[in-house]
Amino acid sequence: MTYQPPPGHPSDAPPPGYPPPGYAPRPKNKLALASLIASIVSVTMCLGLFGFVGAILGHVARKQIRETGEDGDGLARVGIKIGWISFGIVCGIIVVVNVVGFLTSGR
């Protein structure tokens, strides 16, 4: 005969790391993921002006997340940061190239 713990014993609980029964995971916001992807593409492919798109998508995604309660705020925030940083770097490079070009033009 094997020992069976009484009903309600802690061994009846689901293993840790699983959500309680009856709760569905919250859906992720699609714009937050698109923001992150656009920002990463702008960095990896040296398309810094495309980082602007990723940053704007991230701002729109955060607004939607606040209104709907979806998951993905972290993805949107990272997309915003990477997007604005890559956009700023490209704008800085454009300014430096124009200033150097103007100063070396002989005028």
PDB file of N, CA and C in Angstrom:
ATOM      1  N   MET A   1       0.843  -1.164   0.000  1.00  0.00           N
ATOM      2  CA  MET A   1       0.000   0.000   0.000  1.00  0.00           C
ATOM      3  C   MET A   1       0.898   1.239   0.000  1.00  0.00           C
ATOM      4  N   THR A   2       0.563   2.215  -0.846  1.00  0.00           N
ATOM      5  CA  THR A   2       1.363   3.431  -0.931  1.00  0.00           C
ATOM      6  C   THR A   2       0.697   4.549  -0.144  1.00  0.00           C
ATOM      7  N   TYR A   3       1.521   5.428   0.340  1.00  0.00           N
ATOM      8  CA  TYR A   3       1.019   6.553   1.132  1.00  0.00           C
ATOM      9  C   TYR A   3       0.472   7.633   0.201  1.00  0.00           C
ATOM     10  N   GLN A   4      -0.733   8.103   0.454  1.00  0.00           N
ATOM     11  CA  GLN A   4      -1.360   9.195  -0.277  1.00  0.00           C
ATOM     12  C   GLN A   4      -1.538  10.363   0.681  1.00  0.00           C
ATOM     13  N   PRO A   5      -1.012  11.575   0.338  1.00  0.00           N
ATOM     14  CA  PRO A   5      -1.219  12.712   1.234  1.00  0.00           C
ATOM     15  C   PRO A   5      -2.692  13.107   1.258  1.00  0.00           C
ATOM     16  N   PRO A   6      -3.116  13.694   2.353  1.00  0.00           N
ATOM     17  CA  PRO A   6      -4.522  14.093   2.445  1.00  0.00           C
ATOM     18  C   PRO A   6      -4.853  15.180   1.417  1.00  0.00           C
ATOM     19  N   PRO A   7      -6.116  15.310   1.035  1.00  0.00           N
ATOM     20  CA  PRO A   7      -6.506  16.344   0.069  1.00  0.00           C
ATOM     21  C   PRO A   7      -6.171  17.733   0.613  1.00  0.00           C
ATOM     22  N   GLY A   8      -5.735  18.621  -0.291  1.00  0.00           N
ATOM     23  CA  GLY A   8      -5.384  19.975   0.115  1.00  0.00           C
ATOM     24  C   GLY A   8      -3.952  20.111   0.589  1.00  0.00           C
ATOM     25  N   HIS A   9      -3.195  19.028   0.566  1.00  0.00           N
ATOM     26  CA  HIS A   9      -1.795  19.043   0.991  1.00  0.00           C
ATOM     27  C   HIS A   9      -0.981  19.862  -0.026  1.00  0.00           C
ATOM     28  N   PRO A  10       0.089  20.570   0.410  1.00  0.00           N
ATOM     29  CA  PRO A  10       0.879  21.382  -0.530  1.00  0.00           C
ATOM     30  C   PRO A  10       1.409  20.624  -1.737  1.00  0.00           C
ATOM     31  N   SER A  11       1.521  19.322  -1.642  1.00  0.00           N
ATOM     32  CA  SER A  11       2.009  18.556  -2.795  1.00  0.00           C
ATOM     33  C   SER A  11       0.969  18.518  -3.912  1.00  0.00           C
ATOM     34  N   ASP A  12      -0.271  18.904  -3.638  1.00  0.00           N
ATOM     35  CA  ASP A  12      -1.304  18.957  -4.673  1.00  0.00           C
ATOM     36  C   ASP A  12      -1.181  20.218  -5.523  1.00  0.00           C
ATOM     37  N   ALA A  13      -0.442  21.210  -5.080  1.00  0.00           N
ATOM     38  CA  ALA A  13      -0.316  22.476  -5.805  1.00  0.00           C
ATOM     39  C   ALA A  13       0.490  22.253  -7.083  1.00  0.00           C
ATOM     40  N   PRO A  14       0.232  23.072  -8.117  1.00  0.00           N
ATOM     41  CA  PRO A  14       1.032  22.936  -9.341  1.00  0.00           C
ATOM     42  C   PRO A  14       2.483  23.337  -9.075  1.00  0.00           C
ATOM     43  N   PRO A  15       3.407  22.827  -9.855  1.00  0.00           N
ATOM     44  CA  PRO A  15       4.811  23.165  -9.647  1.00  0.00           C
ATOM     45  C   PRO A  15       5.034  24.675  -9.787  1.00  0.00           C
ATOM     46  N   PRO A  16       6.032  25.225  -9.105  1.00  0.00           N
ATOM     47  CA  PRO A  16       6.280  26.666  -9.204  1.00  0.00           C
ATOM     48  C   PRO A  16       6.655  27.069 -10.631  1.00  0.00           C
ATOM     49  N   GLY A  17       6.300  28.282 -11.001  1.00  0.00           N
ATOM     50  CA  GLY A  17       6.608  28.774 -12.328  1.00  0.00           C
ATOM     51  C   GLY A  17       5.434  28.691 -13.274  1.00  0.00           C
ATOM     52  N   TYR A  18       4.393  28.004 -12.870  1.00  0.00           N
ATOM     53  CA  TYR A  18       3.206  27.909 -13.696  1.00  0.00           C
ATOM     54  C   TYR A  18       2.137  28.857 -13.161  1.00  0.00           C
ATOM     55  N   PRO A  19       1.365  29.481 -14.050  1.00  0.00           N
ATOM     56  CA  PRO A  19       0.308  30.357 -13.553  1.00  0.00           C
ATOM     57  C   PRO A  19      -0.783  29.540 -12.869  1.00  0.00           C
ATOM     58  N   PRO A  20      -1.524  30.151 -11.961  1.00  0.00           N
ATOM     59  CA  PRO A  20      -2.616  29.421 -11.328  1.00  0.00           C
ATOM     60  C   PRO A  20      -3.636  28.979 -12.374  1.00  0.00           C
ATOM     61  N   PRO A  21      -4.300  27.868 -12.122  1.00  0.00           N
ATOM     62  CA  PRO A  21      -5.268  27.397 -13.111  1.00  0.00           C
ATOM     63  C   PRO A  21      -6.394  28.419 -13.297  1.00  0.00           C
ATOM     64  N   GLY A  22      -6.845  28.561 -14.523  1.00  0.00           N
ATOM     65  CA  GLY A  22      -7.951  29.464 -14.812  1.00  0.00           C
ATOM     66  C   GLY A  22      -7.510  30.843 -15.269  1.00  0.00           C
ATOM     67  N   TYR A  23      -6.220  31.126 -15.272  1.00  0.00           N
ATOM     68  CA  TYR A  23      -5.730  32.430 -15.719  1.00  0.00           C
ATOM     69  C   TYR A  23      -5.024  32.269 -17.059  1.00  0.00           C
ATOM     70  N   ALA A  24      -5.442  33.049 -18.034  1.00  0.00           N
ATOM     71  CA  ALA A  24      -4.785  33.028 -19.338  1.00  0.00           C
ATOM     72  C   ALA A  24      -3.704  34.104 -19.371  1.00  0.00           C
ATOM     73  N   PRO A  25      -2.606  33.850 -20.041  1.00  0.00           N
ATOM     74  CA  PRO A  25      -1.573  34.890 -20.135  1.00  0.00           C
ATOM     75  C   PRO A  25      -2.083  36.086 -20.932  1.00  0.00           C
ATOM     76  N   ARG A  26      -1.592  37.272 -20.550  1.00  0.00           N
ATOM     77  CA  ARG A  26      -2.009  38.482 -21.264  1.00  0.00           C
ATOM     78  C   ARG A  26      -1.354  38.508 -22.634  1.00  0.00           C
ATOM     79  N   PRO A  27      -2.076  38.974 -23.656  1.00  0.00           N
ATOM     80  CA  PRO A  27      -1.473  39.033 -24.994  1.00  0.00           C
ATOM     81  C   PRO A  27      -0.439  40.151 -25.082  1.00  0.00           C
ATOM     82  N   LYS A  28       0.558  39.944 -25.918  1.00  0.00           N
ATOM     83  CA  LYS A  28       1.587  40.960 -26.131  1.00  0.00           C
ATOM     84  C   LYS A  28       1.101  41.948 -27.187  1.00  0.00           C
ATOM     85  N   ASN A  29       1.491  43.197 -27.020  1.00  0.00           N
ATOM     86  CA  ASN A  29       1.143  44.227 -27.982  1.00  0.00           C
ATOM     87  C   ASN A  29       2.019  44.061 -29.218  1.00  0.00           C
ATOM     88  N   LYS A  30       1.395  43.997 -30.382  1.00  0.00           N
ATOM     89  CA  LYS A  30       2.120  43.755 -31.633  1.00  0.00           C
ATOM     90  C   LYS A  30       2.980  44.957 -32.031  1.00  0.00           C
ATOM     91  N   LEU A  31       2.506  46.180 -31.742  1.00  0.00           N
ATOM     92  CA  LEU A  31       3.292  47.363 -32.087  1.00  0.00           C
ATOM     93  C   LEU A  31       4.574  47.447 -31.255  1.00  0.00           C
ATOM     94  N   ALA A  32       4.521  46.946 -30.031  1.00  0.00           N
ATOM     95  CA  ALA A  32       5.721  46.954 -29.194  1.00  0.00           C
ATOM     96  C   ALA A  32       6.795  46.073 -29.820  1.00  0.00           C
ATOM     97  N   LEU A  33       6.399  44.923 -30.300  1.00  0.00           N
ATOM     98  CA  LEU A  33       7.351  44.027 -30.968  1.00  0.00           C
ATOM     99  C   LEU A  33       7.848  44.650 -32.267  1.00  0.00           C
ATOM    100  N   ALA A  34       6.957  45.283 -33.029  1.00  0.00           N
ATOM    101  CA  ALA A  34       7.358  45.938 -34.272  1.00  0.00           C
ATOM    102  C   ALA A  34       8.335  47.080 -33.990  1.00  0.00           C
ATOM    103  N   SER A  35       8.115  47.795 -32.896  1.00  0.00           N
ATOM    104  CA  SER A  35       9.021  48.883 -32.511  1.00  0.00           C
ATOM    105  C   SER A  35      10.421  48.347 -32.242  1.00  0.00           C
ATOM    106  N   LEU A  36      10.497  47.278 -31.484  1.00  0.00           N
ATOM    107  CA  LEU A  36      11.796  46.694 -31.167  1.00  0.00           C
ATOM    108  C   LEU A  36      12.498  46.188 -32.421  1.00  0.00           C
ATOM    109  N   ILE A  37      11.771  45.521 -33.291  1.00  0.00           N
ATOM    110  CA  ILE A  37      12.359  44.991 -34.524  1.00  0.00           C
ATOM    111  C   ILE A  37      12.850  46.123 -35.418  1.00  0.00           C
ATOM    112  N   ALA A  38      12.025  47.166 -35.586  1.00  0.00           N
ATOM    113  CA  ALA A  38      12.426  48.291 -36.435  1.00  0.00           C
ATOM    114  C   ALA A  38      13.671  48.981 -35.887  1.00  0.00           C
ATOM    115  N   SER A  39      13.732  49.138 -34.582  1.00  0.00           N
ATOM    116  CA  SER A  39      14.895  49.796 -33.978  1.00  0.00           C
ATOM    117  C   SER A  39      16.157  48.957 -34.119  1.00  0.00           C
ATOM    118  N   ILE A  40      16.044  47.660 -33.924  1.00  0.00           N
ATOM    119  CA  ILE A  40      17.211  46.777 -34.064  1.00  0.00           C
ATOM    120  C   ILE A  40      17.677  46.735 -35.522  1.00  0.00           C
ATOM    121  N   VAL A  41      16.727  46.706 -36.457  1.00  0.00           N
ATOM    122  CA  VAL A  41      17.093  46.717 -37.875  1.00  0.00           C
ATOM    123  C   VAL A  41      17.810  48.016 -38.218  1.00  0.00           C
ATOM    124  N   SER A  42      17.364  49.128 -37.654  1.00  0.00           N
ATOM    125  CA  SER A  42      18.003  50.413 -37.948  1.00  0.00           C
ATOM    126  C   SER A  42      19.449  50.438 -37.467  1.00  0.00           C
ATOM    127  N   VAL A  43      19.737  49.763 -36.377  1.00  0.00           N
ATOM    128  CA  VAL A  43      21.112  49.729 -35.862  1.00  0.00           C
ATOM    129  C   VAL A  43      21.958  48.742 -36.665  1.00  0.00           C
ATOM    130  N   THR A  44      21.449  47.555 -36.885  1.00  0.00           N
ATOM    131  CA  THR A  44      22.253  46.514 -37.526  1.00  0.00           C
ATOM    132  C   THR A  44      22.493  46.781 -39.013  1.00  0.00           C
ATOM    133  N   MET A  45      21.573  47.470 -39.666  1.00  0.00           N
ATOM    134  CA  MET A  45      21.723  47.726 -41.099  1.00  0.00           C
ATOM    135  C   MET A  45      22.155  49.162 -41.371  1.00  0.00           C
ATOM    136  N   CYS A  46      22.535  49.890 -40.317  1.00  0.00           N
ATOM    137  CA  CYS A  46      22.989  51.286 -40.435  1.00  0.00           C
ATOM    138  C   CYS A  46      21.943  52.164 -41.120  1.00  0.00           C
ATOM    139  N   LEU A  47      20.693  51.949 -40.782  1.00  0.00           N
ATOM    140  CA  LEU A  47      19.592  52.754 -41.306  1.00  0.00           C
ATOM    141  C   LEU A  47      19.038  53.598 -40.165  1.00  0.00           C
ATOM    142  N   GLY A  48      19.836  54.500 -39.641  1.00  0.00           N
ATOM    143  CA  GLY A  48      19.479  55.258 -38.451  1.00  0.00           C
ATOM    144  C   GLY A  48      18.207  56.050 -38.586  1.00  0.00           C
ATOM    145  N   LEU A  49      17.905  56.532 -39.799  1.00  0.00           N
ATOM    146  CA  LEU A  49      16.660  57.269 -39.973  1.00  0.00           C
ATOM    147  C   LEU A  49      15.452  56.351 -39.772  1.00  0.00           C
ATOM    148  N   PHE A  50      15.648  55.060 -39.976  1.00  0.00           N
ATOM    149  CA  PHE A  50      14.583  54.091 -39.727  1.00  0.00           C
ATOM    150  C   PHE A  50      14.339  53.929 -38.231  1.00  0.00           C
ATOM    151  N   GLY A  51      15.315  54.308 -37.415  1.00  0.00           N
ATOM    152  CA  GLY A  51      15.141  54.277 -35.965  1.00  0.00           C
ATOM    153  C   GLY A  51      14.027  55.207 -35.514  1.00  0.00           C
ATOM    154  N   PHE A  52      13.800  56.271 -36.274  1.00  0.00           N
ATOM    155  CA  PHE A  52      12.697  57.190 -35.999  1.00  0.00           C
ATOM    156  C   PHE A  52      11.368  56.436 -36.021  1.00  0.00           C
ATOM    157  N   VAL A  53      11.212  55.544 -36.988  1.00  0.00           N
ATOM    158  CA  VAL A  53       9.983  54.748 -37.106  1.00  0.00           C
ATOM    159  C   VAL A  53       9.826  53.848 -35.885  1.00  0.00           C
ATOM    160  N   GLY A  54      10.900  53.207 -35.463  1.00  0.00           N
ATOM    161  CA  GLY A  54      10.852  52.333 -34.296  1.00  0.00           C
ATOM    162  C   GLY A  54      10.480  53.092 -33.032  1.00  0.00           C
ATOM    163  N   ALA A  55      11.027  54.292 -32.875  1.00  0.00           N
ATOM    164  CA  ALA A  55      10.734  55.092 -31.693  1.00  0.00           C
ATOM    165  C   ALA A  55       9.266  55.525 -31.678  1.00  0.00           C
ATOM    166  N   ILE A  56       8.759  55.968 -32.798  1.00  0.00           N
ATOM    167  CA  ILE A  56       7.355  56.404 -32.858  1.00  0.00           C
ATOM    168  C   ILE A  56       6.426  55.219 -32.626  1.00  0.00           C
ATOM    169  N   LEU A  57       6.736  54.075 -33.213  1.00  0.00           N
ATOM    170  CA  LEU A  57       5.919  52.876 -32.973  1.00  0.00           C
ATOM    171  C   LEU A  57       5.916  52.518 -31.486  1.00  0.00           C
ATOM    172  N   GLY A  58       7.060  52.681 -30.831  1.00  0.00           N
ATOM    173  CA  GLY A  58       7.143  52.390 -29.401  1.00  0.00           C
ATOM    174  C   GLY A  58       6.269  53.316 -28.573  1.00  0.00           C
ATOM    175  N   HIS A  59       6.245  54.600 -28.929  1.00  0.00           N
ATOM    176  CA  HIS A  59       5.387  55.541 -28.200  1.00  0.00           C
ATOM    177  C   HIS A  59       3.909  55.196 -28.378  1.00  0.00           C
ATOM    178  N   VAL A  60       3.521  54.862 -29.601  1.00  0.00           N
ATOM    179  CA  VAL A  60       2.125  54.477 -29.864  1.00  0.00           C
ATOM    180  C   VAL A  60       1.789  53.186 -29.122  1.00  0.00           C
ATOM    181  N   ALA A  61       2.726  52.242 -29.105  1.00  0.00           N
ATOM    182  CA  ALA A  61       2.498  50.960 -28.416  1.00  0.00           C
ATOM    183  C   ALA A  61       2.307  51.174 -26.918  1.00  0.00           C
ATOM    184  N   ARG A  62       3.118  52.050 -26.305  1.00  0.00           N
ATOM    185  CA  ARG A  62       2.973  52.296 -24.865  1.00  0.00           C
ATOM    186  C   ARG A  62       1.612  52.902 -24.547  1.00  0.00           C
ATOM    187  N   LYS A  63       1.115  53.765 -25.416  1.00  0.00           N
ATOM    188  CA  LYS A  63      -0.211  54.347 -25.197  1.00  0.00           C
ATOM    189  C   LYS A  63      -1.276  53.250 -25.271  1.00  0.00           C
ATOM    190  N   GLN A  64      -1.167  52.381 -26.270  1.00  0.00           N
ATOM    191  CA  GLN A  64      -2.125  51.277 -26.390  1.00  0.00           C
ATOM    192  C   GLN A  64      -2.050  50.344 -25.185  1.00  0.00           C
ATOM    193  N   ILE A  65      -0.854  50.081 -24.696  1.00  0.00           N
ATOM    194  CA  ILE A  65      -0.680  49.177 -23.556  1.00  0.00           C
ATOM    195  C   ILE A  65      -1.333  49.768 -22.311  1.00  0.00           C
ATOM    196  N   ARG A  66      -1.181  51.074 -22.114  1.00  0.00           N
ATOM    197  CA  ARG A  66      -1.833  51.716 -20.959  1.00  0.00           C
ATOM    198  C   ARG A  66      -3.356  51.623 -21.064  1.00  0.00           C
ATOM    199  N   GLU A  67      -3.882  51.733 -22.280  1.00  0.00           N
ATOM    200  CA  GLU A  67      -5.335  51.714 -22.462  1.00  0.00           C
ATOM    201  C   GLU A  67      -5.923  50.308 -22.393  1.00  0.00           C
ATOM    202  N   THR A  68      -5.212  49.319 -22.937  1.00  0.00           N
ATOM    203  CA  THR A  68      -5.780  47.969 -23.037  1.00  0.00           C
ATOM    204  C   THR A  68      -5.281  47.006 -21.966  1.00  0.00           C
ATOM    205  N   GLY A  69      -4.173  47.322 -21.309  1.00  0.00           N
ATOM    206  CA  GLY A  69      -3.627  46.422 -20.292  1.00  0.00           C
ATOM    207  C   GLY A  69      -2.856  45.254 -20.875  1.00  0.00           C
ATOM    208  N   GLU A  70      -2.480  45.333 -22.144  1.00  0.00           N
ATOM    209  CA  GLU A  70      -1.698  44.257 -22.763  1.00  0.00           C
ATOM    210  C   GLU A  70      -0.295  44.221 -22.170  1.00  0.00           C
ATOM    211  N   ASP A  71       0.411  43.169 -22.495  1.00  0.00           N
ATOM    212  CA  ASP A  71       1.797  43.000 -22.079  1.00  0.00           C
ATOM    213  C   ASP A  71       2.705  43.563 -23.172  1.00  0.00           C
ATOM    214  N   GLY A  72       3.933  43.907 -22.845  1.00  0.00           N
ATOM    215  CA  GLY A  72       4.892  44.345 -23.849  1.00  0.00           C
ATOM    216  C   GLY A  72       5.448  45.735 -23.621  1.00  0.00           C
ATOM    217  N   ASP A  73       5.233  46.302 -22.426  1.00  0.00           N
ATOM    218  CA  ASP A  73       5.732  47.643 -22.158  1.00  0.00           C
ATOM    219  C   ASP A  73       7.253  47.686 -22.222  1.00  0.00           C
ATOM    220  N   GLY A  74       7.911  46.640 -21.758  1.00  0.00           N
ATOM    221  CA  GLY A  74       9.370  46.599 -21.805  1.00  0.00           C
ATOM    222  C   GLY A  74       9.894  46.583 -23.233  1.00  0.00           C
ATOM    223  N   LEU A  75       9.222  45.834 -24.110  1.00  0.00           N
ATOM    224  CA  LEU A  75       9.634  45.805 -25.510  1.00  0.00           C
ATOM    225  C   LEU A  75       9.506  47.189 -26.129  1.00  0.00           C
ATOM    226  N   ALA A  76       8.402  47.868 -25.822  1.00  0.00           N
ATOM    227  CA  ALA A  76       8.186  49.205 -26.378  1.00  0.00           C
ATOM    228  C   ALA A  76       9.229  50.187 -25.866  1.00  0.00           C
ATOM    229  N   ARG A  77       9.544  50.120 -24.570  1.00  0.00           N
ATOM    230  CA  ARG A  77      10.537  51.051 -24.015  1.00  0.00           C
ATOM    231  C   ARG A  77      11.918  50.833 -24.622  1.00  0.00           C
ATOM    232  N   VAL A  78      12.313  49.591 -24.812  1.00  0.00           N
ATOM    233  CA  VAL A  78      13.615  49.313 -25.421  1.00  0.00           C
ATOM    234  C   VAL A  78      13.614  49.766 -26.885  1.00  0.00           C
ATOM    235  N   GLY A  79      12.497  49.541 -27.585  1.00  0.00           N
ATOM    236  CA  GLY A  79      12.393  50.006 -28.968  1.00  0.00           C
ATOM    237  C   GLY A  79      12.510  51.514 -29.068  1.00  0.00           C
ATOM    238  N   ILE A  80      11.912  52.235 -28.123  1.00  0.00           N
ATOM    239  CA  ILE A  80      12.001  53.697 -28.098  1.00  0.00           C
ATOM    240  C   ILE A  80      13.446  54.135 -27.886  1.00  0.00           C
ATOM    241  N   LYS A  81      14.100  53.548 -26.905  1.00  0.00           N
ATOM    242  CA  LYS A  81      15.470  53.959 -26.589  1.00  0.00           C
ATOM    243  C   LYS A  81      16.431  53.677 -27.740  1.00  0.00           C
ATOM    244  N   ILE A  82      16.390  52.472 -28.276  1.00  0.00           N
ATOM    245  CA  ILE A  82      17.292  52.123 -29.377  1.00  0.00           C
ATOM    246  C   ILE A  82      16.985  52.978 -30.599  1.00  0.00           C
ATOM    247  N   GLY A  83      15.700  53.193 -30.873  1.00  0.00           N
ATOM    248  CA  GLY A  83      15.316  53.991 -32.032  1.00  0.00           C
ATOM    249  C   GLY A  83      15.809  55.421 -31.944  1.00  0.00           C
ATOM    250  N   TRP A  84      15.599  56.084 -30.808  1.00  0.00           N
ATOM    251  CA  TRP A  84      16.040  57.474 -30.680  1.00  0.00           C
ATOM    252  C   TRP A  84      17.560  57.580 -30.672  1.00  0.00           C
ATOM    253  N   ILE A  85      18.244  56.612 -30.066  1.00  0.00           N
ATOM    254  CA  ILE A  85      19.709  56.653 -30.054  1.00  0.00           C
ATOM    255  C   ILE A  85      20.255  56.514 -31.478  1.00  0.00           C
ATOM    256  N   SER A  86      19.746  55.557 -32.239  1.00  0.00           N
ATOM    257  CA  SER A  86      20.253  55.382 -33.606  1.00  0.00           C
ATOM    258  C   SER A  86      19.902  56.573 -34.479  1.00  0.00           C
ATOM    259  N   PHE A  87      18.719  57.153 -34.300  1.00  0.00           N
ATOM    260  CA  PHE A  87      18.329  58.344 -35.055  1.00  0.00           C
ATOM    261  C   PHE A  87      19.243  59.518 -34.702  1.00  0.00           C
ATOM    262  N   GLY A  88      19.544  59.685 -33.421  1.00  0.00           N
ATOM    263  CA  GLY A  88      20.423  60.766 -32.986  1.00  0.00           C
ATOM    264  C   GLY A  88      21.834  60.622 -33.529  1.00  0.00           C
ATOM    265  N   ILE A  89      22.341  59.400 -33.546  1.00  0.00           N
ATOM    266  CA  ILE A  89      23.689  59.177 -34.069  1.00  0.00           C
ATOM    267  C   ILE A  89      23.763  59.547 -35.547  1.00  0.00           C
ATOM    268  N   VAL A  90      22.765  59.127 -36.324  1.00  0.00           N
ATOM    269  CA  VAL A  90      22.768  59.439 -37.751  1.00  0.00           C
ATOM    270  C   VAL A  90      22.639  60.940 -37.979  1.00  0.00           C
ATOM    271  N   CYS A  91      21.782  61.605 -37.218  1.00  0.00           N
ATOM    272  CA  CYS A  91      21.651  63.062 -37.351  1.00  0.00           C
ATOM    273  C   CYS A  91      22.962  63.748 -36.985  1.00  0.00           C
ATOM    274  N   GLY A  92      23.639  63.273 -35.954  1.00  0.00           N
ATOM    275  CA  GLY A  92      24.933  63.830 -35.579  1.00  0.00           C
ATOM    276  C   GLY A  92      25.973  63.641 -36.668  1.00  0.00           C
ATOM    277  N   ILE A  93      25.991  62.471 -37.278  1.00  0.00           N
ATOM    278  CA  ILE A  93      26.939  62.212 -38.363  1.00  0.00           C
ATOM    279  C   ILE A  93      26.657  63.142 -39.545  1.00  0.00           C
ATOM    280  N   ILE A  94      25.389  63.325 -39.857  1.00  0.00           N
ATOM    281  CA  ILE A  94      25.020  64.217 -40.966  1.00  0.00           C
ATOM    282  C   ILE A  94      25.491  65.643 -40.684  1.00  0.00           C
ATOM    283  N   VAL A  95      25.307  66.122 -39.465  1.00  0.00           N
ATOM    284  CA  VAL A  95      25.745  67.471 -39.107  1.00  0.00           C
ATOM    285  C   VAL A  95      27.264  67.583 -39.202  1.00  0.00           C
ATOM    286  N   VAL A  96      27.990  66.617 -38.669  1.00  0.00           N
ATOM    287  CA  VAL A  96      29.453  66.659 -38.702  1.00  0.00           C
ATOM    288  C   VAL A  96      29.960  66.637 -40.139  1.00  0.00           C
ATOM    289  N   VAL A  97      29.399  65.802 -40.986  1.00  0.00           N
ATOM    290  CA  VAL A  97      29.832  65.731 -42.380  1.00  0.00           C
ATOM    291  C   VAL A  97      29.575  67.065 -43.077  1.00  0.00           C
ATOM    292  N   ASN A  98      28.427  67.675 -42.835  1.00  0.00           N
ATOM    293  CA  ASN A  98      28.127  68.960 -43.462  1.00  0.00           C
ATOM    294  C   ASN A  98      29.045  70.059 -42.962  1.00  0.00           C
ATOM    295  N   VAL A  99      29.345  70.091 -41.668  1.00  0.00           N
ATOM    296  CA  VAL A  99      30.238  71.120 -41.127  1.00  0.00           C
ATOM    297  C   VAL A  99      31.652  70.940 -41.676  1.00  0.00           C
ATOM    298  N   VAL A 100      32.145  69.724 -41.696  1.00  0.00           N
ATOM    299  CA  VAL A 100      33.488  69.471 -42.243  1.00  0.00           C
ATOM    300  C   VAL A 100      33.531  69.818 -43.729  1.00  0.00           C
ATOM    301  N   GLY A 101      32.498  69.469 -44.455  1.00  0.00           N
ATOM    302  CA  GLY A 101      32.436  69.816 -45.870  1.00  0.00           C
ATOM    303  C   GLY A 101      32.423  71.312 -46.099  1.00  0.00           C
ATOM    304  N   PHE A 102      31.705  72.037 -45.260  1.00  0.00           N
ATOM    305  CA  PHE A 102      31.649  73.487 -45.392  1.00  0.00           C
ATOM    306  C   PHE A 102      32.994  74.121 -45.049  1.00  0.00           C
ATOM    307  N   LEU A 103      33.637  73.623 -43.987  1.00  0.00           N
ATOM    308  CA  LEU A 103      34.908  74.195 -43.572  1.00  0.00           C
ATOM    309  C   LEU A 103      36.050  73.888 -44.540  1.00  0.00           C
ATOM    310  N   THR A 104      35.966  72.779 -45.242  1.00  0.00           N
ATOM    311  CA  THR A 104      37.038  72.412 -46.174  1.00  0.00           C
ATOM    312  C   THR A 104      36.736  72.827 -47.608  1.00  0.00           C
ATOM    313  N   SER A 105      35.634  73.528 -47.829  1.00  0.00           N
ATOM    314  CA  SER A 105      35.278  73.912 -49.194  1.00  0.00           C
ATOM    315  C   SER A 105      36.069  75.101 -49.694  1.00  0.00           C
ATOM    316  N   GLY A 106      36.823  75.769 -48.836  1.00  0.00           N
ATOM    317  CA  GLY A 106      37.666  76.871 -49.250  1.00  0.00           C
ATOM    318  C   GLY A 106      36.970  78.217 -49.236  1.00  0.00           C
ATOM    319  N   ARG A 107      35.872  78.344 -48.606  1.00  0.00           N
ATOM    320  CA  ARG A 107      35.164  79.633 -48.557  1.00  0.00           C
ATOM    321  C   ARG A 107      35.587  80.420 -47.365  1.00  0.00           C
TER     322      ARG A 107
END
